[in-house]
C-alpha cells in the first residue's frame, strides 16, 4: 500500500471528528442561561442532562464510570510509545514495565474500544439530546481508527502505518480532554507524574552503576 493511501482513512476520520466538535460548539451556543432545555437551530426543544445526572433508577453513574476506566486504560496503552524507547533503560523496573506494556498494548486497545462502545451506546440511547454526545462520537471515530491501524499494522508492512497510528493517538488526547473533562485531566497529570518517576528511577540506576564501576 502506498504511503499516501495509508493516510486516507485517518484524514477522513479526523475531518469527521473536527466536524462533530464544530457541531458540538454550534449546537451548544443555543443553550440558554440556566435553562436545561437545549434549543436546536430548527427551534425544537431538546432535553439535555449532564452525564453526571442520573435518571431515577437508571445506571448512568455505572456507565459514566466505565468511561472513566476507559480513559485510564487508554493512557496505559498510549504510554507504550514512551516506554518503547526505554527498553534499554538502566532501571530494571522501567525495562520490565516497558516489556509488560508491549505485551498488553493491543489487548488494552481492544478492551478500551469495547468499554467506550458500551459507554457510548448507553448515553446515545438514554440521553440522545446531550450535546456531549457529539464530542464522544468525535473521540470514538479517532479511537476506532487507532485500533484499526493497530490491527492492520502487522499485515501491511509500512512505516507510514506506525506514524499514522501514533499521530491519531496524539489527536485523540485533546478530544478526550474535551469530552471526559476532569477524569482526562487527572489521567494526563498521572501520566506526567509517572514519566517524572521514570526519570528519577533512571537517574538513580545510572548513579548506582557509576558507583559500582
C-alpha atoms as a PDB file:
ATOM      1  CA  UNK A   1       0.000   0.000   0.000  1.00  0.00           C
ATOM      2  CA  UNK A   2       1.347   3.407  -0.967  1.00  0.00           C
ATOM      3  CA  UNK A   3       2.190   5.886   1.784  1.00  0.00           C
ATOM      4  CA  UNK A   4      -0.366   8.446   0.584  1.00  0.00           C
ATOM      5  CA  UNK A   5      -3.203   5.891   0.586  1.00  0.00           C
ATOM      6  CA  UNK A   6      -2.387   4.881   4.170  1.00  0.00           C
ATOM      7  CA  UNK A   7      -3.331   8.369   5.337  1.00  0.00           C
ATOM      8  CA  UNK A   8      -6.748   8.468   3.624  1.00  0.00           C
ATOM      9  CA  UNK A   9      -8.854   6.679   6.334  1.00  0.00           C
ATOM     10  CA  UNK A  10      -7.125   8.702   9.061  1.00  0.00           C
ATOM     11  CA  UNK A  11      -7.792  12.000   7.266  1.00  0.00           C
ATOM     12  CA  UNK A  12     -11.463  11.102   6.768  1.00  0.00           C
ATOM     13  CA  UNK A  13     -11.800  10.222  10.475  1.00  0.00           C
ATOM     14  CA  UNK A  14     -10.006  13.433  11.502  1.00  0.00           C
ATOM     15  CA  UNK A  15     -12.287  15.568   9.321  1.00  0.00           C
ATOM     16  CA  UNK A  16     -15.350  13.805  10.744  1.00  0.00           C
ATOM     17  CA  UNK A  17     -14.044  14.395  14.281  1.00  0.00           C
ATOM     18  CA  UNK A  18     -13.485  18.106  13.614  1.00  0.00           C
ATOM     19  CA  UNK A  19     -16.968  18.471  12.113  1.00  0.00           C
ATOM     20  CA  UNK A  20     -18.553  16.754  15.133  1.00  0.00           C
ATOM     21  CA  UNK A  21     -16.674  19.032  17.540  1.00  0.00           C
ATOM     22  CA  UNK A  22     -17.660  22.063  15.464  1.00  0.00           C
ATOM     23  CA  UNK A  23     -21.305  20.993  15.562  1.00  0.00           C
ATOM     24  CA  UNK A  24     -21.000  20.448  19.309  1.00  0.00           C
ATOM     25  CA  UNK A  25     -19.964  24.080  19.809  1.00  0.00           C
ATOM     26  CA  UNK A  26     -22.581  25.248  17.319  1.00  0.00           C
ATOM     27  CA  UNK A  27     -25.493  23.474  18.967  1.00  0.00           C
ATOM     28  CA  UNK A  28     -24.215  24.345  22.452  1.00  0.00           C
ATOM     29  CA  UNK A  29     -24.480  28.022  21.565  1.00  0.00           C
ATOM     30  CA  UNK A  30     -28.272  27.601  21.664  1.00  0.00           C
ATOM     31  CA  UNK A  31     -28.158  26.545  25.302  1.00  0.00           C
ATOM     32  CA  UNK A  32     -29.930  29.182  27.386  1.00  0.00           C
ATOM     33  CA  UNK A  33     -28.578  30.546  30.682  1.00  0.00           C
ATOM     34  CA  UNK A  34     -29.581  28.053  33.333  1.00  0.00           C
ATOM     35  CA  UNK A  35     -32.198  26.535  31.052  1.00  0.00           C
ATOM     36  CA  UNK A  36     -31.886  22.739  30.946  1.00  0.00           C
ATOM     37  CA  UNK A  37     -33.607  22.694  27.559  1.00  0.00           C
ATOM     38  CA  UNK A  38     -31.334  22.898  24.543  1.00  0.00           C
ATOM     39  CA  UNK A  39     -32.989  24.597  21.588  1.00  0.00           C
ATOM     40  CA  UNK A  40     -31.846  23.333  18.216  1.00  0.00           C
ATOM     41  CA  UNK A  41     -31.414  25.669  15.210  1.00  0.00           C
ATOM     42  CA  UNK A  42     -34.761  24.462  13.899  1.00  0.00           C
ATOM     43  CA  UNK A  43     -36.459  25.635  17.106  1.00  0.00           C
ATOM     44  CA  UNK A  44     -37.161  22.193  18.567  1.00  0.00           C
ATOM     45  CA  UNK A  45     -36.503  21.777  22.259  1.00  0.00           C
ATOM     46  CA  UNK A  46     -34.132  19.000  23.234  1.00  0.00           C
ATOM     47  CA  UNK A  47     -33.971  17.936  26.858  1.00  0.00           C
ATOM     48  CA  UNK A  48     -30.360  17.927  27.956  1.00  0.00           C
ATOM     49  CA  UNK A  49     -28.908  16.377  31.073  1.00  0.00           C
ATOM     50  CA  UNK A  50     -25.264  16.207  32.031  1.00  0.00           C
ATOM     51  CA  UNK A  51     -23.511  12.818  32.145  1.00  0.00           C
ATOM     52  CA  UNK A  52     -23.263  13.133  35.887  1.00  0.00           C
ATOM     53  CA  UNK A  53     -27.046  13.487  36.354  1.00  0.00           C
ATOM     54  CA  UNK A  54     -28.563  10.059  36.694  1.00  0.00           C
ATOM     55  CA  UNK A  55     -32.172   9.299  35.955  1.00  0.00           C
ATOM     56  CA  UNK A  56     -34.150   7.808  38.834  1.00  0.00           C
ATOM     57  CA  UNK A  57     -33.440   4.098  38.889  1.00  0.00           C
ATOM     58  CA  UNK A  58     -31.010   4.411  35.994  1.00  0.00           C
ATOM     59  CA  UNK A  59     -27.450   3.224  35.723  1.00  0.00           C
ATOM     60  CA  UNK A  60     -25.863   6.408  34.372  1.00  0.00           C
ATOM     61  CA  UNK A  61     -23.211   6.500  37.087  1.00  0.00           C
ATOM     62  CA  UNK A  62     -22.095   2.956  36.251  1.00  0.00           C
ATOM     63  CA  UNK A  63     -21.705   3.735  32.554  1.00  0.00           C
ATOM     64  CA  UNK A  64     -20.048   7.044  33.350  1.00  0.00           C
ATOM     65  CA  UNK A  65     -17.569   5.104  35.497  1.00  0.00           C
ATOM     66  CA  UNK A  66     -16.928   2.764  32.552  1.00  0.00           C
ATOM     67  CA  UNK A  67     -15.965   5.829  30.547  1.00  0.00           C
ATOM     68  CA  UNK A  68     -13.522   6.864  33.275  1.00  0.00           C
ATOM     69  CA  UNK A  69     -11.974   3.387  33.282  1.00  0.00           C
ATOM     70  CA  UNK A  70     -11.564   3.611  29.506  1.00  0.00           C
ATOM     71  CA  UNK A  71      -9.685   6.904  29.904  1.00  0.00           C
ATOM     72  CA  UNK A  72      -7.135   5.336  32.271  1.00  0.00           C
ATOM     73  CA  UNK A  73      -6.781   2.190  30.145  1.00  0.00           C
ATOM     74  CA  UNK A  74      -6.153   4.277  27.052  1.00  0.00           C
ATOM     75  CA  UNK A  75      -3.475   6.242  28.920  1.00  0.00           C
ATOM     76  CA  UNK A  76      -1.757   2.986  29.902  1.00  0.00           C
ATOM     77  CA  UNK A  77      -1.878   1.791  26.308  1.00  0.00           C
ATOM     78  CA  UNK A  78      -0.698   5.123  24.915  1.00  0.00           C
ATOM     79  CA  UNK A  79       2.224   5.247  27.348  1.00  0.00           C
ATOM     80  CA  UNK A  80       3.782   2.348  25.422  1.00  0.00           C
ATOM     81  CA  UNK A  81       5.072   4.991  22.976  1.00  0.00           C
ATOM     82  CA  UNK A  82       7.224   6.408  25.791  1.00  0.00           C
ATOM     83  CA  UNK A  83       8.297   3.057  27.193  1.00  0.00           C
ATOM     84  CA  UNK A  84       9.293   1.758  23.769  1.00  0.00           C
ATOM     85  CA  UNK A  85      12.376   3.968  23.977  1.00  0.00           C
ATOM     86  CA  UNK A  86      13.095   2.714  27.472  1.00  0.00           C
ATOM     87  CA  UNK A  87      13.583  -0.999  26.758  1.00  0.00           C
ATOM     88  CA  UNK A  88      17.324  -0.487  27.299  1.00  0.00           C
ATOM     89  CA  UNK A  89      16.862   1.717  30.351  1.00  0.00           C
ATOM     90  CA  UNK A  90      19.425   1.376  33.177  1.00  0.00           C
ATOM     91  CA  UNK A  91      16.484   0.782  35.511  1.00  0.00           C
ATOM     92  CA  UNK A  92      15.298  -2.828  35.701  1.00  0.00           C
ATOM     93  CA  UNK A  93      11.831  -1.717  36.827  1.00  0.00           C
ATOM     94  CA  UNK A  94      11.459   0.588  33.827  1.00  0.00           C
ATOM     95  CA  UNK A  95      12.585  -2.153  31.416  1.00  0.00           C
ATOM     96  CA  UNK A  96      10.162  -4.678  32.900  1.00  0.00           C
ATOM     97  CA  UNK A  97       7.321  -2.159  32.771  1.00  0.00           C
ATOM     98  CA  UNK A  98       8.125  -1.448  29.123  1.00  0.00           C
ATOM     99  CA  UNK A  99       8.071  -5.154  28.241  1.00  0.00           C
ATOM    100  CA  UNK A 100       4.784  -5.592  30.104  1.00  0.00           C
ATOM    101  CA  UNK A 101       3.144  -2.691  28.277  1.00  0.00           C
ATOM    102  CA  UNK A 102       4.414  -4.067  24.990  1.00  0.00           C
ATOM    103  CA  UNK A 103       2.700  -7.355  25.775  1.00  0.00           C
ATOM    104  CA  UNK A 104      -0.667  -5.852  26.741  1.00  0.00           C
ATOM    105  CA  UNK A 105      -0.677  -2.830  24.400  1.00  0.00           C
ATOM    106  CA  UNK A 106      -3.021  -4.317  21.808  1.00  0.00           C
ATOM    107  CA  UNK A 107      -5.215  -6.025  24.386  1.00  0.00           C
ATOM    108  CA  UNK A 108      -5.688  -2.716  26.217  1.00  0.00           C
ATOM    109  CA  UNK A 109      -6.665  -1.103  22.929  1.00  0.00           C
ATOM    110  CA  UNK A 110      -9.406  -3.666  22.274  1.00  0.00           C
ATOM    111  CA  UNK A 111     -10.658  -3.500  25.862  1.00  0.00           C
ATOM    112  CA  UNK A 112     -10.769   0.305  25.686  1.00  0.00           C
ATOM    113  CA  UNK A 113     -12.703   0.199  22.412  1.00  0.00           C
ATOM    114  CA  UNK A 114     -15.207  -2.280  23.879  1.00  0.00           C
ATOM    115  CA  UNK A 115     -15.778  -0.255  27.057  1.00  0.00           C
ATOM    116  CA  UNK A 116     -16.100   3.007  25.124  1.00  0.00           C
ATOM    117  CA  UNK A 117     -18.640   1.394  22.783  1.00  0.00           C
ATOM    118  CA  UNK A 118     -20.783   0.202  25.710  1.00  0.00           C
ATOM    119  CA  UNK A 119     -20.421   3.594  27.435  1.00  0.00           C
ATOM    120  CA  UNK A 120     -21.375   5.482  24.282  1.00  0.00           C
ATOM    121  CA  UNK A 121     -24.329   3.289  23.343  1.00  0.00           C
ATOM    122  CA  UNK A 122     -25.865   3.767  26.794  1.00  0.00           C
ATOM    123  CA  UNK A 123     -25.796   7.542  26.550  1.00  0.00           C
ATOM    124  CA  UNK A 124     -26.865   7.526  22.900  1.00  0.00           C
ATOM    125  CA  UNK A 125     -29.996   5.598  23.923  1.00  0.00           C
ATOM    126  CA  UNK A 126     -30.768   7.280  27.248  1.00  0.00           C
ATOM    127  CA  UNK A 127     -29.595  10.848  26.562  1.00  0.00           C
ATOM    128  CA  UNK A 128     -29.682  11.430  22.796  1.00  0.00           C
ATOM    129  CA  UNK A 129     -30.138  15.179  23.306  1.00  0.00           C
ATOM    130  CA  UNK A 130     -26.965  15.650  25.320  1.00  0.00           C
ATOM    131  CA  UNK A 131     -24.553  17.815  23.258  1.00  0.00           C
ATOM    132  CA  UNK A 132     -21.599  15.896  24.719  1.00  0.00           C
ATOM    133  CA  UNK A 133     -22.715  13.011  22.527  1.00  0.00           C
ATOM    134  CA  UNK A 134     -21.015  14.807  19.633  1.00  0.00           C
ATOM    135  CA  UNK A 135     -17.652  15.109  21.392  1.00  0.00           C
ATOM    136  CA  UNK A 136     -17.993  11.456  22.363  1.00  0.00           C
ATOM    137  CA  UNK A 137     -18.627  10.438  18.748  1.00  0.00           C
ATOM    138  CA  UNK A 138     -15.670  12.569  17.695  1.00  0.00           C
ATOM    139  CA  UNK A 139     -13.336  10.802  20.127  1.00  0.00           C
ATOM    140  CA  UNK A 140     -14.817   7.415  19.196  1.00  0.00           C
ATOM    141  CA  UNK A 141     -14.149   7.978  15.482  1.00  0.00           C
ATOM    142  CA  UNK A 142     -10.465   8.546  16.182  1.00  0.00           C
ATOM    143  CA  UNK A 143     -10.256   5.647  18.658  1.00  0.00           C
ATOM    144  CA  UNK A 144     -11.773   3.329  16.054  1.00  0.00           C
ATOM    145  CA  UNK A 145      -9.096   4.377  13.584  1.00  0.00           C
ATOM    146  CA  UNK A 146      -6.329   3.919  16.179  1.00  0.00           C
ATOM    147  CA  UNK A 147      -7.428   0.344  16.850  1.00  0.00           C
ATOM    148  CA  UNK A 148      -7.946  -0.284  13.136  1.00  0.00           C
ATOM    149  CA  UNK A 149      -4.459   0.864  12.186  1.00  0.00           C
ATOM    150  CA  UNK A 150      -3.014  -1.137  15.075  1.00  0.00           C
ATOM    151  CA  UNK A 151      -4.819  -4.251  13.818  1.00  0.00           C
ATOM    152  CA  UNK A 152      -3.586  -3.928  10.226  1.00  0.00           C
ATOM    153  CA  UNK A 153      -0.035  -2.887  11.121  1.00  0.00           C
ATOM    154  CA  UNK A 154       1.313  -6.444  11.048  1.00  0.00           C
ATOM    155  CA  UNK A 155      -0.463  -7.216   7.800  1.00  0.00           C
ATOM    156  CA  UNK A 156       0.653  -4.055   5.998  1.00  0.00           C
ATOM    157  CA  UNK A 157       4.382  -3.593   6.493  1.00  0.00           C
ATOM    158  CA  UNK A 158       4.594   0.141   6.057  1.00  0.00           C
ATOM    159  CA  UNK A 159       6.390   2.697   8.221  1.00  0.00           C
ATOM    160  CA  UNK A 160       3.615   5.181   7.482  1.00  0.00           C
ATOM    161  CA  UNK A 161       1.139   2.895   9.288  1.00  0.00           C
ATOM    162  CA  UNK A 162       3.034   3.384  12.551  1.00  0.00           C
ATOM    163  CA  UNK A 163       3.293   7.144  12.003  1.00  0.00           C
ATOM    164  CA  UNK A 164      -0.454   7.418  11.369  1.00  0.00           C
ATOM    165  CA  UNK A 165      -1.200   5.198  14.368  1.00  0.00           C
ATOM    166  CA  UNK A 166       0.832   7.448  16.681  1.00  0.00           C
ATOM    167  CA  UNK A 167      -0.481  10.662  15.116  1.00  0.00           C
ATOM    168  CA  UNK A 168      -4.057   9.542  15.733  1.00  0.00           C
ATOM    169  CA  UNK A 169      -3.118   8.777  19.339  1.00  0.00           C
ATOM    170  CA  UNK A 170      -1.880  12.349  19.777  1.00  0.00           C
ATOM    171  CA  UNK A 171      -5.025  13.722  18.134  1.00  0.00           C
ATOM    172  CA  UNK A 172      -7.198  11.658  20.471  1.00  0.00           C
ATOM    173  CA  UNK A 173      -5.771  13.355  23.588  1.00  0.00           C
ATOM    174  CA  UNK A 174      -7.397  16.816  23.092  1.00  0.00           C
ATOM    175  CA  UNK A 175     -10.666  15.178  22.025  1.00  0.00           C
ATOM    176  CA  UNK A 176     -10.599  13.084  25.185  1.00  0.00           C
ATOM    177  CA  UNK A 177      -9.922  16.172  27.293  1.00  0.00           C
ATOM    178  CA  UNK A 178     -12.872  17.920  25.659  1.00  0.00           C
ATOM    179  CA  UNK A 179     -15.255  15.013  26.193  1.00  0.00           C
ATOM    180  CA  UNK A 180     -14.137  13.497  29.502  1.00  0.00           C
ATOM    181  CA  UNK A 181     -13.078  16.728  31.205  1.00  0.00           C
ATOM    182  CA  UNK A 182     -11.881  16.192  34.775  1.00  0.00           C
ATOM    183  CA  UNK A 183     -11.082  12.489  34.528  1.00  0.00           C
ATOM    184  CA  UNK A 184      -8.971  13.087  31.421  1.00  0.00           C
ATOM    185  CA  UNK A 185      -7.099  15.939  33.125  1.00  0.00           C
ATOM    186  CA  UNK A 186      -6.356  13.700  36.130  1.00  0.00           C
ATOM    187  CA  UNK A 187      -5.140  10.975  33.759  1.00  0.00           C
ATOM    188  CA  UNK A 188      -2.799  13.367  31.961  1.00  0.00           C
ATOM    189  CA  UNK A 189      -1.410  14.587  35.281  1.00  0.00           C
ATOM    190  CA  UNK A 190      -0.946  10.999  36.473  1.00  0.00           C
ATOM    191  CA  UNK A 191       0.844  10.122  33.227  1.00  0.00           C
ATOM    192  CA  UNK A 192       3.207  13.066  33.635  1.00  0.00           C
ATOM    193  CA  UNK A 193       3.840  12.024  37.241  1.00  0.00           C
ATOM    194  CA  UNK A 194       4.735   8.507  36.058  1.00  0.00           C
ATOM    195  CA  UNK A 195       7.102   9.975  33.482  1.00  0.00           C
ATOM    196  CA  UNK A 196       8.837  12.024  36.199  1.00  0.00           C
ATOM    197  CA  UNK A 197       9.129   8.860  38.306  1.00  0.00           C
ATOM    198  CA  UNK A 198      10.741   7.083  35.356  1.00  0.00           C
ATOM    199  CA  UNK A 199      13.337   9.850  35.070  1.00  0.00           C
ATOM    200  CA  UNK A 200      14.092   9.566  38.779  1.00  0.00           C
ATOM    201  CA  UNK A 201      14.451   5.767  38.596  1.00  0.00           C
ATOM    202  CA  UNK A 202      16.781   6.024  35.613  1.00  0.00           C
ATOM    203  CA  UNK A 203      18.965   8.644  37.279  1.00  0.00           C
ATOM    204  CA  UNK A 204      19.160   6.523  40.414  1.00  0.00           C
ATOM    205  CA  UNK A 205      20.007   3.406  38.415  1.00  0.00           C
ATOM    206  CA  UNK A 206      22.609   5.321  36.394  1.00  0.00           C
ATOM    207  CA  UNK A 207      24.204   6.709  39.532  1.00  0.00           C
ATOM    208  CA  UNK A 208      24.336   3.211  41.063  1.00  0.00           C
ATOM    209  CA  UNK A 209      26.157   1.860  38.012  1.00  0.00           C
ATOM    210  CA  UNK A 210      28.745   4.630  38.163  1.00  0.00           C
ATOM    211  CA  UNK A 211      29.314   3.937  41.864  1.00  0.00           C
ATOM    212  CA  UNK A 212      29.847   0.220  41.196  1.00  0.00           C
ATOM    213  CA  UNK A 213      32.306   0.912  38.398  1.00  0.00           C
END
